[in-house]
């Protein structure tokens, strides 16, 4: 039994029509029709709010539709795992390139085209999607925000809800041109990437998503190294009474220390520095050791 079958059965039992379900879920009849005819995969439960609204109207136990949708999506995923990822739609790629700095556009385009929808293009696309999805999910219940975006894109409120629900349910392999026009285009002002470190900065439309630019770093670290370095080491270096006479090579040594599950204090680094300097803790090479006797 799948989502569409359960919904159709309850509609018949309760004498309801698709338009009643569309009104309850605050979506278009077309969206409901595609869902019930299996032209559209049920949206992921954690990316939509329609199941709760439908269950309330259809008098279905809370969570039942979500569970069925989750199982149905997992079955579909198992069937499609063997297929290679399709290349990104031309319109989507062009939109993404249009938002990057003009001075880097040709260079980034060359990387994209060298390996269609390779790791680099997926990385950029996924991060842009993640940022915009976060905004869209936070604003899903805001009628004012939805009306504003609807006006900017020439849609009705119900059409906008459908678009946002479909957008939240998409992934980097299935993003549509419509989703890009509806969200990526108006929400993202620009993005930039450091091609050496892959650090990204994404600037959003302040009218639709106020706040500072989103910044992301993709740097290789040791397995147990906290992001940005050890807090205890930073405090040690700032406290001149502890680290004032530490030499550059000594600081480099302290930076390379690794800890599994423990976070050392500034005092630890001070004591480690003293241990490093104490000649009793080291064996000095004996002159002539290892030489063959004559």
Protein backbone atom coordinates (compact mmCIF):
# COMPACT_ATOMS: atom_id res chain seq x y z
CA UNK A 1 0.00 0.00 0.00
CA UNK A 2 1.33 3.43 -0.92
CA UNK A 3 0.50 7.05 -0.16
CA UNK A 4 -1.66 7.71 -3.21
CA UNK A 5 -3.75 4.57 -2.66
CA UNK A 6 -4.45 5.38 0.98
CA UNK A 7 -5.43 8.95 0.12
CA UNK A 8 -7.70 7.92 -2.74
CA UNK A 9 -9.47 5.36 -0.54
CA UNK A 10 -10.11 7.91 2.20
CA UNK A 11 -11.37 10.50 -0.27
CA UNK A 12 -13.94 7.99 -1.53
CA UNK A 13 -14.93 6.85 1.97
CA UNK A 14 -15.44 10.42 3.16
CA UNK A 15 -17.09 11.65 -0.04
CA UNK A 16 -14.39 14.25 -0.60
CA UNK A 17 -12.78 15.49 -3.80
CA UNK A 18 -9.26 16.40 -4.80
CA UNK A 19 -10.08 20.08 -4.50
CA UNK A 20 -10.99 19.56 -0.84
CA UNK A 21 -7.63 17.94 -0.20
CA UNK A 22 -5.83 20.69 -2.11
CA UNK A 23 -7.55 23.35 -0.02
CA UNK A 24 -6.68 21.57 3.23
CA UNK A 25 -3.03 21.15 2.24
CA UNK A 26 -2.87 24.70 0.81
CA UNK A 27 -1.61 23.50 -2.56
CA UNK A 28 -2.97 23.40 -6.10
CA UNK A 29 -5.30 20.70 -7.43
CA UNK A 30 -2.65 19.92 -10.04
CA UNK A 31 -0.18 19.05 -7.28
CA UNK A 32 -2.69 16.69 -5.66
CA UNK A 33 -3.55 15.14 -9.03
CA UNK A 34 0.10 14.38 -9.79
CA UNK A 35 0.56 12.89 -6.34
CA UNK A 36 -2.51 10.65 -6.61
CA UNK A 37 -1.70 9.47 -10.14
CA UNK A 38 1.88 8.67 -9.08
CA UNK A 39 3.34 11.14 -11.55
CA UNK A 40 5.06 12.72 -8.58
CA UNK A 41 6.97 10.84 -5.89
CA UNK A 42 5.57 11.56 -2.40
CA UNK A 43 7.63 14.34 -0.82
CA UNK A 44 10.09 13.46 1.93
CA UNK A 45 8.36 13.79 5.33
CA UNK A 46 11.08 16.03 6.76
CA UNK A 47 10.82 18.45 3.83
CA UNK A 48 7.08 19.11 3.76
CA UNK A 49 4.11 19.97 5.92
CA UNK A 50 1.34 18.51 3.74
CA UNK A 51 1.01 15.12 5.42
CA UNK A 52 -0.20 16.51 8.72
CA UNK A 53 -2.76 18.70 6.95
CA UNK A 54 -3.97 15.76 4.83
CA UNK A 55 -4.20 13.39 7.79
CA UNK A 56 -6.33 15.90 9.64
CA UNK A 57 -8.82 16.20 6.79
CA UNK A 58 -8.85 12.49 5.95
CA UNK A 59 -8.99 11.41 9.60
CA UNK A 60 -5.91 9.25 9.22
CA UNK A 61 -3.74 8.47 12.28
CA UNK A 62 -1.00 11.05 12.67
CA UNK A 63 2.24 9.99 11.05
CA UNK A 64 0.80 7.22 8.86
CA UNK A 65 1.21 9.05 5.56
CA UNK A 66 4.72 10.12 6.52
CA UNK A 67 5.74 6.53 7.24
CA UNK A 68 4.27 5.28 3.97
CA UNK A 69 5.99 8.07 2.04
CA UNK A 70 9.32 7.25 3.65
CA UNK A 71 9.03 3.57 2.70
CA UNK A 72 7.94 4.42 -0.83
CA UNK A 73 10.87 6.79 -1.33
CA UNK A 74 13.35 4.21 -0.03
CA UNK A 75 12.03 1.64 -2.50
CA UNK A 76 12.41 4.13 -5.33
CA UNK A 77 15.94 4.97 -4.20
CA UNK A 78 16.95 1.30 -4.24
CA UNK A 79 15.69 0.99 -7.80
CA UNK A 80 17.55 4.06 -9.01
CA UNK A 81 20.90 3.58 -7.26
CA UNK A 82 22.43 1.85 -10.24
CA UNK A 83 21.80 4.76 -12.60
CA UNK A 84 24.61 7.31 -13.13
CA UNK A 85 23.77 10.91 -12.12
CA UNK A 86 22.33 12.89 -15.03
CA UNK A 87 24.12 16.09 -16.07
CA UNK A 88 22.84 19.33 -14.59
CA UNK A 89 20.19 21.06 -16.67
CA UNK A 90 21.61 23.73 -18.96
CA UNK A 91 19.34 26.42 -17.47
CA UNK A 92 20.42 25.53 -13.93
CA UNK A 93 24.11 25.64 -14.78
CA UNK A 94 23.77 28.96 -16.59
CA UNK A 95 21.94 30.48 -13.62
CA UNK A 96 24.64 29.30 -11.22
CA UNK A 97 27.38 30.68 -13.46
CA UNK A 98 25.56 33.99 -13.81
CA UNK A 99 25.67 34.43 -10.03
CA UNK A 100 29.43 33.88 -9.68
CA UNK A 101 32.03 36.69 -10.01
CA UNK A 102 32.46 37.71 -13.67
CA UNK A 103 36.25 37.41 -13.41
CA UNK A 104 35.93 33.73 -12.45
CA UNK A 105 33.03 32.81 -14.71
CA UNK A 106 35.09 31.44 -17.61
CA UNK A 107 37.39 29.50 -15.31
CA UNK A 108 34.51 27.92 -13.39
CA UNK A 109 32.63 27.18 -16.60
CA UNK A 110 35.68 25.35 -17.94
CA UNK A 111 35.80 23.20 -14.80
CA UNK A 112 32.07 22.46 -15.04
CA UNK A 113 32.29 21.49 -18.71
CA UNK A 114 35.41 19.37 -18.31
CA UNK A 115 33.47 16.89 -16.20
CA UNK A 116 29.71 17.42 -16.58
CA UNK A 117 28.16 17.39 -13.13
CA UNK A 118 31.38 16.18 -11.58
CA UNK A 119 32.38 16.62 -7.95
CA UNK A 120 33.10 20.34 -8.18
CA UNK A 121 29.82 21.25 -9.87
CA UNK A 122 27.89 19.06 -7.43
CA UNK A 123 29.67 20.70 -4.50
CA UNK A 124 28.74 24.21 -5.63
CA UNK A 125 25.18 23.29 -6.58
CA UNK A 126 24.56 21.36 -3.36
CA UNK A 127 25.78 24.19 -1.16
CA UNK A 128 23.62 26.74 -2.97
CA UNK A 129 20.63 24.43 -2.62
CA UNK A 130 21.33 23.84 1.08
CA UNK A 131 21.42 27.56 1.85
CA UNK A 132 18.25 28.41 -0.07
CA UNK A 133 16.42 25.35 1.27
CA UNK A 134 17.19 26.43 4.81
CA UNK A 135 15.62 29.82 4.14
CA UNK A 136 12.62 28.28 2.36
CA UNK A 137 11.97 25.78 5.15
CA UNK A 138 12.17 28.48 7.82
CA UNK A 139 9.70 30.66 5.92
CA UNK A 140 7.28 27.92 4.82
CA UNK A 141 4.71 28.90 7.44
CA UNK A 142 5.08 32.63 6.80
CA UNK A 143 2.21 33.78 4.60
CA UNK A 144 3.74 37.24 4.21
CA UNK A 145 7.01 35.79 2.93
CA UNK A 146 5.24 33.41 0.56
CA UNK A 147 3.07 36.22 -0.79
CA UNK A 148 6.19 38.35 -1.33
CA UNK A 149 8.04 35.63 -3.25
CA UNK A 150 4.85 34.83 -5.17
CA UNK A 151 4.59 38.44 -6.32
CA UNK A 152 8.24 38.52 -7.34
CA UNK A 153 7.84 35.38 -9.44
CA UNK A 154 4.32 36.02 -10.77
CA UNK A 155 2.55 33.18 -8.94
CA UNK A 156 -0.44 32.75 -6.66
CA UNK A 157 -0.02 31.88 -2.99
CA UNK A 158 -1.09 28.25 -3.59
CA UNK A 159 1.21 27.91 -6.58
CA UNK A 160 4.05 29.28 -4.49
CA UNK A 161 3.43 26.73 -1.76
CA UNK A 162 3.54 23.94 -4.34
CA UNK A 163 6.80 25.26 -5.77
CA UNK A 164 8.41 25.57 -2.36
CA UNK A 165 7.30 22.08 -1.32
CA UNK A 166 8.68 20.62 -4.53
CA UNK A 167 11.88 22.59 -4.08
CA UNK A 168 12.35 21.33 -0.53
CA UNK A 169 11.86 17.80 -1.80
CA UNK A 170 14.40 18.04 -4.61
CA UNK A 171 18.08 17.13 -4.44
CA UNK A 172 21.21 18.03 -6.32
CA UNK A 173 20.57 15.30 -8.90
CA UNK A 174 16.99 16.32 -9.67
CA UNK A 175 16.88 20.08 -9.31
CA UNK A 176 14.60 21.60 -11.93
CA UNK A 177 14.85 24.80 -13.91
CA UNK A 178 11.55 25.91 -12.36
CA UNK A 179 12.96 25.56 -8.85
CA UNK A 180 15.98 27.62 -9.80
CA UNK A 181 13.86 30.38 -11.29
CA UNK A 182 11.57 30.33 -8.25
CA UNK A 183 14.21 30.31 -5.51
CA UNK A 184 17.87 30.28 -6.49
CA UNK A 185 17.46 33.26 -8.78
CA UNK A 186 15.58 35.65 -6.46
CA UNK A 187 17.22 34.55 -3.20
CA UNK A 188 20.86 34.36 -4.23
CA UNK A 189 22.52 37.63 -5.13
CA UNK A 190 25.94 36.13 -5.75
CA UNK A 191 28.38 33.44 -4.72
CA UNK A 192 32.13 33.09 -4.78
CA UNK A 193 34.57 30.25 -4.20
CA UNK A 194 38.26 30.00 -3.42
CA UNK A 195 39.46 27.41 -5.92
CA UNK A 196 42.39 26.50 -3.67
CA UNK A 197 40.54 25.83 -0.41
CA UNK A 198 36.98 25.50 -1.81
CA UNK A 199 35.79 28.01 0.76
CA UNK A 200 32.48 29.50 -0.40
CA UNK A 201 30.68 32.75 0.32
CA UNK A 202 27.00 33.05 -0.59
CA UNK A 203 25.28 36.45 -0.55
CA UNK A 204 21.49 36.34 -0.24
CA UNK A 205 18.86 38.87 -1.27
CA UNK A 206 18.48 41.02 1.84
CA UNK A 207 14.83 41.68 1.09
CA UNK A 208 14.00 37.96 1.21
CA UNK A 209 16.71 36.68 3.56
CA UNK A 210 18.25 39.38 5.75
CA UNK A 211 21.56 38.69 7.41
CA UNK A 212 25.25 38.37 6.70
CA UNK A 213 26.68 36.39 3.78
CA UNK A 214 26.90 32.66 4.42
CA UNK A 215 30.47 31.37 4.51
CA UNK A 216 31.62 27.76 4.29
CA UNK A 217 35.07 26.26 4.53
CA UNK A 218 36.22 22.98 3.02
CA UNK A 219 39.67 22.35 4.47
CA UNK A 220 41.44 19.14 5.35
CA UNK A 221 42.05 18.64 9.06
CA UNK A 222 43.48 15.95 11.24
CA UNK A 223 40.72 13.60 12.50
CA UNK A 224 40.70 14.93 16.06
CA UNK A 225 41.55 18.55 15.35
CA UNK A 226 38.70 20.90 16.29
CA UNK A 227 37.59 23.38 13.64
CA UNK A 228 39.75 26.47 13.96
CA UNK A 229 42.32 24.83 16.27
CA UNK A 230 42.40 23.99 19.96
CA UNK A 231 40.72 26.58 22.19
CA UNK A 232 43.25 25.89 24.95
CA UNK A 233 46.15 26.59 22.61
CA UNK A 234 44.58 29.86 21.48
CA UNK A 235 44.19 31.00 25.09
CA UNK A 236 47.75 29.92 25.84
CA UNK A 237 49.10 32.00 22.96
CA UNK A 238 47.04 35.03 24.00
CA UNK A 239 48.29 34.85 27.59
CA UNK A 240 51.75 36.40 27.38
CA UNK A 241 52.54 35.30 30.94
CA UNK A 242 52.39 31.70 29.70
CA UNK A 243 53.60 31.91 26.12
CA UNK A 244 55.54 35.17 26.03
CA UNK A 245 58.96 33.66 25.27
CA UNK A 246 57.80 30.70 23.16
CA UNK A 247 59.83 30.37 19.98
CA UNK A 248 58.22 29.84 16.59
CA UNK A 249 59.42 26.24 16.30
CA UNK A 250 58.08 25.51 19.79
CA UNK A 251 54.66 26.90 18.89
CA UNK A 252 54.62 24.79 15.73
CA UNK A 253 55.36 21.73 17.87
CA UNK A 254 52.46 22.56 20.20
CA UNK A 255 50.11 23.03 17.24
CA UNK A 256 50.86 19.52 16.01
CA UNK A 257 49.82 17.86 19.26
CA UNK A 258 46.67 15.76 18.85
CA UNK A 259 44.15 14.61 21.45
CA UNK A 260 41.43 11.99 21.26
CA UNK A 261 38.29 13.25 22.96
CA UNK A 262 40.13 15.57 25.35
CA UNK A 263 40.48 19.34 25.23
CA UNK A 264 43.70 20.57 26.89
CA UNK A 265 43.85 23.78 28.93
CA UNK A 266 46.30 26.69 28.49
CA UNK A 267 48.20 25.38 31.53
CA UNK A 268 48.73 22.06 29.77
CA UNK A 269 50.47 23.82 26.89
CA UNK A 270 52.61 25.80 29.32
CA UNK A 271 53.75 22.60 31.01
CA UNK A 272 54.29 20.92 27.64
CA UNK A 273 56.49 23.85 26.65
CA UNK A 274 58.56 23.46 29.81
CA UNK A 275 58.88 19.72 29.19
CA UNK A 276 60.07 20.45 25.69
CA UNK A 277 62.79 22.69 27.05
CA UNK A 278 63.92 20.40 29.89
CA UNK A 279 67.11 18.58 28.80
CA UNK A 280 66.38 15.76 31.26
CA UNK A 281 63.47 14.69 29.05
CA UNK A 282 65.64 14.03 26.00
CA UNK A 283 68.57 11.83 25.13
CA UNK A 284 71.31 13.51 23.22
CA UNK A 285 73.15 11.55 20.54
CA UNK A 286 76.48 10.15 21.75
CA UNK A 287 79.36 11.22 19.58
CA UNK A 288 80.69 8.29 17.62
CA UNK A 289 77.75 6.05 18.49
CA UNK A 290 77.09 3.49 15.82
CA UNK A 291 80.59 3.79 14.32
CA UNK A 292 82.58 0.63 13.78
CA UNK A 293 85.71 0.28 15.92
CA UNK A 294 89.07 0.32 14.10
